[in-house]
N, C-alpha and C. Protein backbone atom coordinates (compact mmCIF):
# COMPACT_ATOMS: atom_id res chain seq x y z
N MET A 1 11.39 -36.24 10.64
CA MET A 1 11.75 -34.90 11.08
C MET A 1 12.85 -35.00 12.13
N GLN A 2 13.87 -34.20 11.96
CA GLN A 2 14.96 -34.19 12.93
C GLN A 2 14.48 -33.53 14.21
N ARG A 3 14.88 -34.10 15.34
CA ARG A 3 14.53 -33.53 16.64
C ARG A 3 15.76 -32.81 17.18
N PHE A 4 15.51 -31.70 17.89
CA PHE A 4 16.59 -30.90 18.41
C PHE A 4 16.54 -30.89 19.93
N PRO A 5 17.69 -30.95 20.60
CA PRO A 5 17.68 -30.89 22.06
C PRO A 5 17.31 -29.48 22.53
N LEU A 6 16.56 -29.40 23.61
CA LEU A 6 16.23 -28.11 24.20
C LEU A 6 17.23 -27.77 25.29
N PRO A 7 17.56 -26.49 25.44
CA PRO A 7 18.41 -26.11 26.55
C PRO A 7 17.73 -26.44 27.87
N VAL A 8 18.48 -26.76 28.87
CA VAL A 8 17.92 -27.07 30.17
C VAL A 8 17.18 -25.84 30.70
N GLY A 9 16.02 -26.07 31.28
CA GLY A 9 15.24 -24.97 31.85
C GLY A 9 14.39 -24.23 30.84
N LYS A 10 14.42 -24.61 29.60
CA LYS A 10 13.58 -23.96 28.61
C LYS A 10 12.21 -24.61 28.63
N ILE A 11 11.33 -23.89 28.08
CA ILE A 11 10.01 -24.43 28.06
C ILE A 11 9.53 -24.80 26.63
N ALA A 12 8.08 -26.41 25.06
CA ALA A 12 7.75 -26.64 23.61
C ALA A 12 6.33 -27.15 23.19
N TRP A 13 4.72 -27.91 21.04
CA TRP A 13 3.45 -28.62 20.82
C TRP A 13 3.04 -28.76 19.39
N ILE A 14 2.03 -29.56 18.91
CA ILE A 14 1.74 -29.89 17.51
C ILE A 14 0.33 -29.54 17.10
N THR A 15 0.19 -29.16 15.88
CA THR A 15 -1.14 -28.95 15.33
C THR A 15 -1.01 -28.93 13.82
N ARG A 16 -1.77 -28.07 13.18
CA ARG A 16 -1.71 -27.95 11.73
C ARG A 16 -0.72 -26.85 11.38
N SER A 17 -0.17 -26.88 10.14
CA SER A 17 0.87 -25.92 9.87
C SER A 17 1.19 -25.69 8.41
N HIS A 18 2.23 -24.89 8.16
CA HIS A 18 2.75 -24.61 6.83
C HIS A 18 4.24 -24.32 6.97
N PRO A 19 4.97 -24.26 5.84
CA PRO A 19 6.42 -24.06 5.93
C PRO A 19 6.78 -22.74 6.63
N PHE A 20 7.89 -22.76 7.35
CA PHE A 20 8.34 -21.60 8.10
C PHE A 20 9.14 -20.65 7.24
N SER A 21 8.91 -19.38 7.42
CA SER A 21 9.80 -18.34 6.92
C SER A 21 9.49 -17.09 7.72
N LEU A 22 10.49 -16.26 7.99
CA LEU A 22 10.25 -15.05 8.77
C LEU A 22 9.30 -14.11 8.05
N SER A 23 9.25 -14.17 6.70
CA SER A 23 8.30 -13.31 6.00
C SER A 23 6.87 -13.70 6.36
N HIS A 24 6.63 -14.99 6.62
CA HIS A 24 5.30 -15.42 7.07
C HIS A 24 5.02 -14.88 8.46
N VAL A 25 6.02 -14.90 9.32
CA VAL A 25 5.84 -14.40 10.68
C VAL A 25 5.50 -12.92 10.64
N LYS A 26 6.15 -12.17 9.79
CA LYS A 26 5.95 -10.73 9.74
C LYS A 26 4.66 -10.34 9.04
N SER A 27 4.12 -11.20 8.21
CA SER A 27 2.89 -10.89 7.50
C SER A 27 1.82 -11.90 7.86
N PHE A 28 0.96 -11.55 8.81
CA PHE A 28 -0.05 -12.48 9.30
C PHE A 28 -1.04 -12.87 8.21
N ALA A 29 -1.12 -12.09 7.15
CA ALA A 29 -2.02 -12.44 6.06
C ALA A 29 -1.62 -13.78 5.44
N HIS A 30 -0.36 -14.14 5.54
CA HIS A 30 0.11 -15.39 4.97
C HIS A 30 -0.18 -16.59 5.87
N PHE A 31 -0.51 -16.34 7.14
CA PHE A 31 -0.80 -17.46 8.04
C PHE A 31 -2.16 -18.03 7.71
N GLN A 32 -2.19 -19.30 7.47
CA GLN A 32 -3.44 -20.01 7.28
C GLN A 32 -3.24 -21.36 7.90
N ASN A 33 -4.28 -21.89 8.52
CA ASN A 33 -4.15 -23.22 9.09
C ASN A 33 -4.33 -24.23 7.98
N ARG A 34 -3.23 -24.62 7.39
CA ARG A 34 -3.25 -25.64 6.35
C ARG A 34 -2.13 -26.61 6.66
N LEU A 35 -2.30 -27.79 6.24
CA LEU A 35 -1.31 -28.83 6.51
C LEU A 35 -0.08 -28.66 5.64
N LEU A 36 1.05 -28.98 6.21
CA LEU A 36 2.30 -28.99 5.46
C LEU A 36 2.29 -30.25 4.61
N ALA A 37 2.34 -30.09 3.32
CA ALA A 37 2.26 -31.22 2.41
C ALA A 37 3.32 -32.26 2.73
N GLY A 38 2.89 -33.49 2.89
CA GLY A 38 3.80 -34.60 3.12
C GLY A 38 4.30 -34.73 4.54
N TYR A 39 3.89 -33.85 5.44
CA TYR A 39 4.37 -33.92 6.81
C TYR A 39 3.53 -34.90 7.62
N ASP A 40 4.18 -35.76 8.39
CA ASP A 40 3.49 -36.75 9.21
C ASP A 40 3.20 -36.14 10.57
N TYR A 41 1.97 -35.71 10.77
CA TYR A 41 1.58 -35.04 12.00
C TYR A 41 1.44 -35.98 13.19
N SER A 42 1.64 -37.26 12.98
CA SER A 42 1.62 -38.17 14.12
C SER A 42 2.98 -38.22 14.81
N GLN A 43 3.97 -37.54 14.23
CA GLN A 43 5.31 -37.51 14.80
C GLN A 43 5.48 -36.32 15.73
N PRO A 44 6.23 -36.50 16.80
CA PRO A 44 6.54 -35.37 17.68
C PRO A 44 7.42 -34.35 16.97
N GLY A 45 7.47 -33.13 17.48
CA GLY A 45 8.32 -32.12 16.88
C GLY A 45 8.14 -30.76 17.50
N PHE A 46 8.88 -29.78 16.96
CA PHE A 46 8.83 -28.39 17.40
C PHE A 46 7.87 -27.61 16.51
N TYR A 47 7.14 -26.68 17.14
CA TYR A 47 6.18 -25.85 16.41
C TYR A 47 6.24 -24.42 16.93
N PHE A 48 6.07 -23.48 16.02
CA PHE A 48 5.98 -22.06 16.36
C PHE A 48 4.50 -21.71 16.33
N VAL A 49 3.98 -21.16 17.42
CA VAL A 49 2.55 -20.89 17.56
C VAL A 49 2.33 -19.42 17.90
N THR A 50 1.33 -18.82 17.27
CA THR A 50 0.89 -17.46 17.60
C THR A 50 -0.59 -17.53 17.91
N ILE A 51 -0.98 -16.99 19.06
CA ILE A 51 -2.39 -16.97 19.47
C ILE A 51 -2.74 -15.52 19.78
N CYS A 52 -3.82 -15.03 19.17
CA CYS A 52 -4.23 -13.63 19.33
C CYS A 52 -5.48 -13.51 20.19
N THR A 53 -5.59 -12.37 20.89
CA THR A 53 -6.82 -12.10 21.63
C THR A 53 -7.91 -11.74 20.63
N GLN A 54 -9.16 -11.97 21.02
CA GLN A 54 -10.28 -11.65 20.16
C GLN A 54 -10.26 -10.16 19.84
N GLU A 55 -10.44 -9.85 18.56
CA GLU A 55 -10.44 -8.48 18.06
C GLU A 55 -9.12 -7.76 18.36
N HIS A 56 -8.09 -8.52 18.63
CA HIS A 56 -6.75 -7.97 18.92
C HIS A 56 -6.79 -6.95 20.05
N ARG A 57 -7.64 -7.18 21.03
CA ARG A 57 -7.74 -6.27 22.17
C ARG A 57 -6.43 -6.25 22.95
N LEU A 58 -6.04 -5.09 23.38
CA LEU A 58 -4.82 -4.90 24.16
C LEU A 58 -5.11 -5.23 25.62
N VAL A 59 -4.97 -6.50 25.96
CA VAL A 59 -5.40 -6.99 27.26
C VAL A 59 -4.23 -7.33 28.17
N PHE A 60 -3.17 -7.88 27.61
CA PHE A 60 -2.13 -8.50 28.42
C PHE A 60 -1.17 -7.54 29.09
N GLY A 61 -0.98 -6.37 28.54
CA GLY A 61 -0.04 -5.44 29.15
C GLY A 61 0.41 -4.39 28.17
N THR A 62 1.57 -3.83 28.45
CA THR A 62 2.13 -2.77 27.60
C THR A 62 3.59 -3.12 27.30
N ILE A 63 4.13 -2.39 26.35
CA ILE A 63 5.56 -2.50 26.05
C ILE A 63 6.14 -1.11 26.16
N VAL A 64 7.12 -0.97 27.04
CA VAL A 64 7.78 0.31 27.24
C VAL A 64 9.28 0.07 27.09
N ASP A 65 9.90 0.84 26.21
CA ASP A 65 11.33 0.70 25.96
C ASP A 65 11.72 -0.74 25.65
N GLY A 66 10.89 -1.42 24.85
CA GLY A 66 11.19 -2.78 24.43
C GLY A 66 10.99 -3.85 25.49
N GLN A 67 10.42 -3.49 26.63
CA GLN A 67 10.19 -4.43 27.72
C GLN A 67 8.69 -4.66 27.90
N VAL A 68 8.30 -5.91 28.03
CA VAL A 68 6.91 -6.25 28.25
C VAL A 68 6.57 -6.06 29.73
N ASN A 69 5.50 -5.33 29.99
CA ASN A 69 4.98 -5.13 31.35
C ASN A 69 3.59 -5.75 31.39
N LEU A 70 3.50 -6.95 31.94
CA LEU A 70 2.22 -7.66 31.97
C LEU A 70 1.31 -7.09 33.04
N ARG A 71 0.03 -6.91 32.66
CA ARG A 71 -1.03 -6.56 33.62
C ARG A 71 -1.62 -7.87 34.11
N GLY A 72 -2.66 -7.77 34.93
CA GLY A 72 -3.31 -8.95 35.50
C GLY A 72 -3.64 -10.04 34.49
N PRO A 73 -4.36 -9.73 33.40
CA PRO A 73 -4.68 -10.78 32.43
C PRO A 73 -3.44 -11.42 31.80
N GLY A 74 -2.42 -10.63 31.53
CA GLY A 74 -1.17 -11.18 30.98
C GLY A 74 -0.46 -12.07 31.97
N GLN A 75 -0.48 -11.67 33.24
CA GLN A 75 0.12 -12.49 34.29
C GLN A 75 -0.62 -13.81 34.44
N ILE A 76 -1.94 -13.76 34.35
CA ILE A 76 -2.73 -14.99 34.43
C ILE A 76 -2.41 -15.90 33.24
N ALA A 77 -2.41 -15.33 32.03
CA ALA A 77 -2.12 -16.13 30.83
C ALA A 77 -0.74 -16.77 30.94
N GLN A 78 0.24 -16.01 31.39
CA GLN A 78 1.59 -16.56 31.55
C GLN A 78 1.63 -17.65 32.60
N SER A 79 0.92 -17.45 33.70
CA SER A 79 0.94 -18.48 34.75
C SER A 79 0.28 -19.76 34.29
N VAL A 80 -0.77 -19.66 33.48
CA VAL A 80 -1.39 -20.86 32.91
C VAL A 80 -0.45 -21.50 31.90
N TRP A 81 0.19 -20.68 31.08
CA TRP A 81 1.10 -21.19 30.05
C TRP A 81 2.20 -22.06 30.67
N VAL A 82 2.83 -21.57 31.71
CA VAL A 82 3.97 -22.30 32.27
C VAL A 82 3.56 -23.58 32.99
N THR A 83 2.26 -23.74 33.26
CA THR A 83 1.81 -24.99 33.89
C THR A 83 1.46 -26.08 32.88
N LEU A 84 1.45 -25.77 31.61
CA LEU A 84 1.06 -26.78 30.61
C LEU A 84 1.86 -28.07 30.70
N PRO A 85 3.18 -28.03 30.90
CA PRO A 85 3.93 -29.30 30.99
C PRO A 85 3.51 -30.16 32.19
N ARG A 86 3.04 -29.54 33.25
CA ARG A 86 2.55 -30.33 34.39
C ARG A 86 1.21 -30.98 34.08
N ARG A 87 0.40 -30.29 33.30
CA ARG A 87 -0.93 -30.80 32.94
C ARG A 87 -0.88 -31.76 31.77
N PHE A 88 0.10 -31.60 30.89
CA PHE A 88 0.24 -32.43 29.69
C PHE A 88 1.70 -32.89 29.62
N ALA A 89 1.95 -34.10 30.04
CA ALA A 89 3.31 -34.62 30.15
C ALA A 89 4.05 -34.64 28.81
N HIS A 90 3.34 -34.65 27.72
CA HIS A 90 3.95 -34.72 26.39
C HIS A 90 4.34 -33.35 25.83
N VAL A 91 4.07 -32.29 26.58
CA VAL A 91 4.33 -30.92 26.11
C VAL A 91 5.57 -30.37 26.80
N LYS A 92 6.46 -29.81 25.99
CA LYS A 92 7.61 -29.07 26.52
C LYS A 92 7.55 -27.67 25.94
N LEU A 93 7.81 -26.68 26.77
CA LEU A 93 7.77 -25.29 26.33
C LEU A 93 9.18 -24.79 26.09
N ASP A 94 9.33 -23.97 25.08
CA ASP A 94 10.61 -23.36 24.74
C ASP A 94 10.42 -21.85 24.92
N GLU A 95 10.94 -21.05 24.04
CA GLU A 95 10.80 -19.60 24.13
C GLU A 95 9.33 -19.20 23.96
N TYR A 96 8.94 -18.13 24.65
CA TYR A 96 7.61 -17.57 24.47
C TYR A 96 7.64 -16.11 24.88
N VAL A 97 6.66 -15.35 24.38
CA VAL A 97 6.51 -13.96 24.79
C VAL A 97 5.03 -13.61 24.70
N PHE A 98 4.54 -12.89 25.72
CA PHE A 98 3.20 -12.35 25.68
C PHE A 98 3.32 -10.90 25.27
N MET A 99 2.64 -10.55 24.18
CA MET A 99 2.58 -9.19 23.69
C MET A 99 1.24 -8.61 24.17
N PRO A 100 0.98 -7.31 23.96
CA PRO A 100 -0.27 -6.74 24.47
C PRO A 100 -1.55 -7.43 23.97
N ASN A 101 -1.53 -7.98 22.73
CA ASN A 101 -2.75 -8.58 22.20
C ASN A 101 -2.54 -9.96 21.55
N HIS A 102 -1.41 -10.56 21.79
CA HIS A 102 -1.15 -11.90 21.27
C HIS A 102 0.03 -12.51 22.01
N MET A 103 0.31 -13.77 21.70
CA MET A 103 1.49 -14.42 22.26
C MET A 103 2.13 -15.27 21.18
N HIS A 104 3.46 -15.37 21.27
CA HIS A 104 4.24 -16.24 20.39
C HIS A 104 4.92 -17.28 21.26
N ALA A 105 5.04 -18.49 20.76
CA ALA A 105 5.71 -19.53 21.53
C ALA A 105 6.27 -20.59 20.60
N ILE A 106 7.32 -21.23 21.09
CA ILE A 106 7.83 -22.46 20.48
C ILE A 106 7.46 -23.56 21.45
N VAL A 107 6.83 -24.58 20.91
CA VAL A 107 6.45 -25.71 21.74
C VAL A 107 6.94 -27.00 21.08
N GLU A 108 7.23 -27.98 21.93
CA GLU A 108 7.62 -29.29 21.42
C GLU A 108 6.61 -30.30 21.93
N LEU A 109 6.10 -31.08 21.00
CA LEU A 109 5.20 -32.17 21.39
C LEU A 109 5.98 -33.47 21.35
N ILE A 110 5.91 -34.16 22.45
CA ILE A 110 6.50 -35.49 22.52
C ILE A 110 5.45 -36.48 22.02
N ASP A 111 4.18 -36.09 22.11
CA ASP A 111 3.05 -36.90 21.67
C ASP A 111 1.93 -35.91 21.35
N ILE A 112 0.96 -36.30 20.55
CA ILE A 112 -0.11 -35.40 20.14
C ILE A 112 -1.23 -35.38 21.17
N ASP A 113 -1.72 -34.17 21.49
CA ASP A 113 -2.80 -34.02 22.45
C ASP A 113 -3.33 -32.59 22.36
N PRO A 114 -4.53 -32.32 22.85
CA PRO A 114 -5.13 -30.99 22.71
C PRO A 114 -4.69 -30.00 23.79
N ALA A 115 -3.42 -29.67 23.89
CA ALA A 115 -2.95 -28.72 24.90
C ALA A 115 -3.38 -27.30 24.59
N GLN A 116 -3.35 -26.90 23.33
CA GLN A 116 -3.67 -25.52 22.96
C GLN A 116 -5.09 -25.14 23.34
N PRO A 117 -6.12 -25.96 23.05
CA PRO A 117 -7.46 -25.58 23.50
C PRO A 117 -7.57 -25.50 25.02
N ALA A 118 -6.87 -26.36 25.73
CA ALA A 118 -6.90 -26.33 27.20
C ALA A 118 -6.29 -25.03 27.71
N PHE A 119 -5.21 -24.56 27.08
CA PHE A 119 -4.59 -23.29 27.46
C PHE A 119 -5.57 -22.14 27.27
N LYS A 120 -6.20 -22.09 26.12
CA LYS A 120 -7.17 -21.02 25.85
C LYS A 120 -8.33 -21.05 26.84
N ALA A 121 -8.86 -22.23 27.10
CA ALA A 121 -10.01 -22.34 28.02
C ALA A 121 -9.63 -21.92 29.43
N ALA A 122 -8.49 -22.38 29.91
CA ALA A 122 -8.07 -22.06 31.28
C ALA A 122 -7.78 -20.57 31.46
N THR A 123 -7.10 -19.96 30.50
CA THR A 123 -6.80 -18.53 30.64
C THR A 123 -8.07 -17.70 30.52
N SER A 124 -8.94 -18.06 29.59
CA SER A 124 -10.19 -17.30 29.44
C SER A 124 -11.00 -17.34 30.73
N TYR A 125 -11.15 -18.52 31.30
CA TYR A 125 -11.92 -18.66 32.53
C TYR A 125 -11.30 -17.82 33.65
N GLN A 126 -10.00 -17.94 33.85
CA GLN A 126 -9.36 -17.23 34.96
C GLN A 126 -9.38 -15.72 34.78
N ILE A 127 -9.13 -15.25 33.57
CA ILE A 127 -9.14 -13.80 33.32
C ILE A 127 -10.55 -13.23 33.49
N ARG A 128 -11.54 -13.91 32.94
CA ARG A 128 -12.92 -13.44 33.09
C ARG A 128 -13.33 -13.37 34.56
N ARG A 129 -12.93 -14.37 35.31
CA ARG A 129 -13.36 -14.48 36.71
C ARG A 129 -12.59 -13.52 37.62
N SER A 130 -11.27 -13.53 37.54
CA SER A 130 -10.48 -12.77 38.51
C SER A 130 -10.25 -11.32 38.12
N GLN A 131 -10.34 -10.99 36.87
CA GLN A 131 -10.05 -9.62 36.44
C GLN A 131 -11.30 -8.81 36.13
N GLY A 132 -12.47 -9.43 36.25
CA GLY A 132 -13.70 -8.71 35.95
C GLY A 132 -13.80 -8.32 34.49
N ASN A 133 -13.25 -9.17 33.62
CA ASN A 133 -13.30 -8.94 32.18
C ASN A 133 -14.16 -10.01 31.53
N PRO A 134 -15.49 -9.95 31.69
CA PRO A 134 -16.34 -11.01 31.16
C PRO A 134 -16.29 -11.14 29.64
N TRP A 135 -15.79 -10.13 28.97
CA TRP A 135 -15.70 -10.13 27.52
C TRP A 135 -14.42 -10.78 27.00
N PHE A 136 -13.44 -11.08 27.88
CA PHE A 136 -12.16 -11.59 27.38
C PHE A 136 -12.35 -12.88 26.59
N ALA A 137 -11.66 -12.96 25.45
CA ALA A 137 -11.65 -14.18 24.64
C ALA A 137 -10.44 -14.18 23.74
N TRP A 138 -10.02 -15.36 23.38
CA TRP A 138 -9.00 -15.54 22.35
C TRP A 138 -9.71 -15.60 21.00
N GLN A 139 -8.99 -15.36 19.91
CA GLN A 139 -9.56 -15.64 18.60
C GLN A 139 -9.78 -17.14 18.50
N ASP A 140 -10.76 -17.54 17.69
CA ASP A 140 -11.04 -18.96 17.54
C ASP A 140 -9.86 -19.71 16.94
N ASP A 141 -9.17 -19.09 16.04
CA ASP A 141 -8.08 -19.74 15.33
C ASP A 141 -6.74 -19.39 15.95
N TYR A 142 -5.69 -19.92 15.44
CA TYR A 142 -4.33 -19.62 15.86
C TYR A 142 -3.42 -19.91 14.67
N TYR A 143 -2.18 -19.51 14.77
CA TYR A 143 -1.21 -19.71 13.70
C TYR A 143 -0.13 -20.63 14.21
N ASP A 144 0.28 -21.55 13.38
CA ASP A 144 1.38 -22.41 13.79
C ASP A 144 2.22 -22.81 12.59
N THR A 145 3.46 -23.15 12.86
CA THR A 145 4.43 -23.50 11.83
C THR A 145 5.27 -24.66 12.32
N VAL A 146 5.48 -25.65 11.47
CA VAL A 146 6.37 -26.75 11.79
C VAL A 146 7.79 -26.21 11.73
N ILE A 147 8.57 -26.45 12.75
CA ILE A 147 9.98 -26.03 12.75
C ILE A 147 10.79 -27.23 12.31
N GLN A 148 11.43 -27.12 11.16
CA GLN A 148 12.05 -28.28 10.53
C GLN A 148 13.56 -28.37 10.68
N THR A 149 14.21 -27.29 11.05
CA THR A 149 15.67 -27.32 11.16
C THR A 149 16.13 -26.60 12.42
N GLU A 150 17.34 -26.90 12.83
CA GLU A 150 17.94 -26.21 13.98
C GLU A 150 18.07 -24.72 13.69
N ALA A 151 18.43 -24.36 12.45
CA ALA A 151 18.56 -22.95 12.08
C ALA A 151 17.23 -22.23 12.21
N ALA A 152 16.15 -22.84 11.75
CA ALA A 152 14.83 -22.24 11.88
C ALA A 152 14.44 -22.09 13.35
N LEU A 153 14.76 -23.10 14.16
CA LEU A 153 14.46 -23.04 15.59
C LEU A 153 15.19 -21.86 16.22
N GLN A 154 16.45 -21.66 15.88
CA GLN A 154 17.22 -20.53 16.43
C GLN A 154 16.66 -19.20 15.94
N GLN A 155 16.26 -19.13 14.66
CA GLN A 155 15.68 -17.90 14.11
C GLN A 155 14.40 -17.52 14.84
N ILE A 156 13.57 -18.50 15.09
CA ILE A 156 12.29 -18.23 15.75
C ILE A 156 12.52 -17.85 17.21
N ARG A 157 13.47 -18.49 17.86
CA ARG A 157 13.80 -18.09 19.24
C ARG A 157 14.21 -16.62 19.27
N GLN A 158 15.03 -16.21 18.31
CA GLN A 158 15.47 -14.82 18.24
C GLN A 158 14.28 -13.90 17.96
N TYR A 159 13.42 -14.30 17.03
CA TYR A 159 12.23 -13.51 16.70
C TYR A 159 11.37 -13.29 17.95
N ILE A 160 11.15 -14.35 18.73
CA ILE A 160 10.34 -14.24 19.93
C ILE A 160 11.01 -13.32 20.95
N ALA A 161 12.29 -13.51 21.17
CA ALA A 161 13.02 -12.70 22.16
C ALA A 161 13.01 -11.21 21.78
N GLU A 162 13.10 -10.91 20.48
CA GLU A 162 13.17 -9.52 20.03
C GLU A 162 11.81 -8.91 19.71
N ASN A 163 10.75 -9.70 19.78
CA ASN A 163 9.42 -9.23 19.40
C ASN A 163 8.99 -7.96 20.12
N PRO A 164 9.20 -7.83 21.43
CA PRO A 164 8.80 -6.59 22.11
C PRO A 164 9.52 -5.35 21.56
N LEU A 165 10.73 -5.50 21.08
CA LEU A 165 11.47 -4.36 20.53
C LEU A 165 10.84 -3.86 19.22
N ARG A 166 10.12 -4.73 18.52
CA ARG A 166 9.51 -4.38 17.24
C ARG A 166 8.00 -4.12 17.37
N TRP A 167 7.49 -3.96 18.58
CA TRP A 167 6.06 -3.84 18.80
C TRP A 167 5.41 -2.78 17.93
N THR A 168 6.00 -1.59 17.80
CA THR A 168 5.36 -0.53 17.02
C THR A 168 5.33 -0.81 15.53
N GLN A 169 6.13 -1.77 15.06
CA GLN A 169 6.10 -2.17 13.65
C GLN A 169 5.24 -3.42 13.42
N ASP A 170 4.71 -3.98 14.49
CA ASP A 170 3.93 -5.22 14.41
C ASP A 170 2.60 -4.98 13.70
N LYS A 171 2.18 -5.93 12.86
CA LYS A 171 0.88 -5.83 12.17
C LYS A 171 -0.27 -5.74 13.17
N LEU A 172 -0.07 -6.27 14.38
CA LEU A 172 -1.12 -6.27 15.40
C LEU A 172 -1.01 -5.06 16.34
N TYR A 173 -0.08 -4.16 16.05
CA TYR A 173 0.15 -3.01 16.93
C TYR A 173 -1.07 -2.10 16.97
N ARG A 174 -1.38 -1.65 18.17
CA ARG A 174 -2.39 -0.62 18.42
C ARG A 174 -1.87 0.24 19.55
N ARG A 175 -2.22 1.50 19.51
CA ARG A 175 -1.85 2.37 20.63
C ARG A 175 -2.66 1.98 21.84
N TYR A 176 -2.08 2.19 23.02
CA TYR A 176 -2.77 1.86 24.27
C TYR A 176 -3.86 2.86 24.55
């Protein structure tokens, strides 16, 4: 797999996956945690990850005029997210966005390790404790895609950056 340089100051991880296409991103029904045939998962690389809140609850914030406004739980999730590289030296973060009931991110794994479960556990604990939301939880599963080309990496970065602008068309959209 070809590796791509990250811009300085950007924030990237590995798991199970399937081939990338924006039609998959737009239709969550196509996301399934299945292995990409012939892909060597012991190799480092870039991955596109989507993690949803349990029952798609609108917990993290709102979107007004295409801008994300994070509430307490969203701020906590973001603060935990940005600390992952300090906790896991093999993880680099790239583009990410927290939506009201899910998050999208590009992550790069320099080595394989369980960073994603640690992120979920840390955010759940902190949100439940500090926000008085004992019911907060992530969905058990998550969606991920191996990013195989520079063009795909750029497309996904654009998708993440523009995601708040398309919130009302999102399959996970719910009114506040």
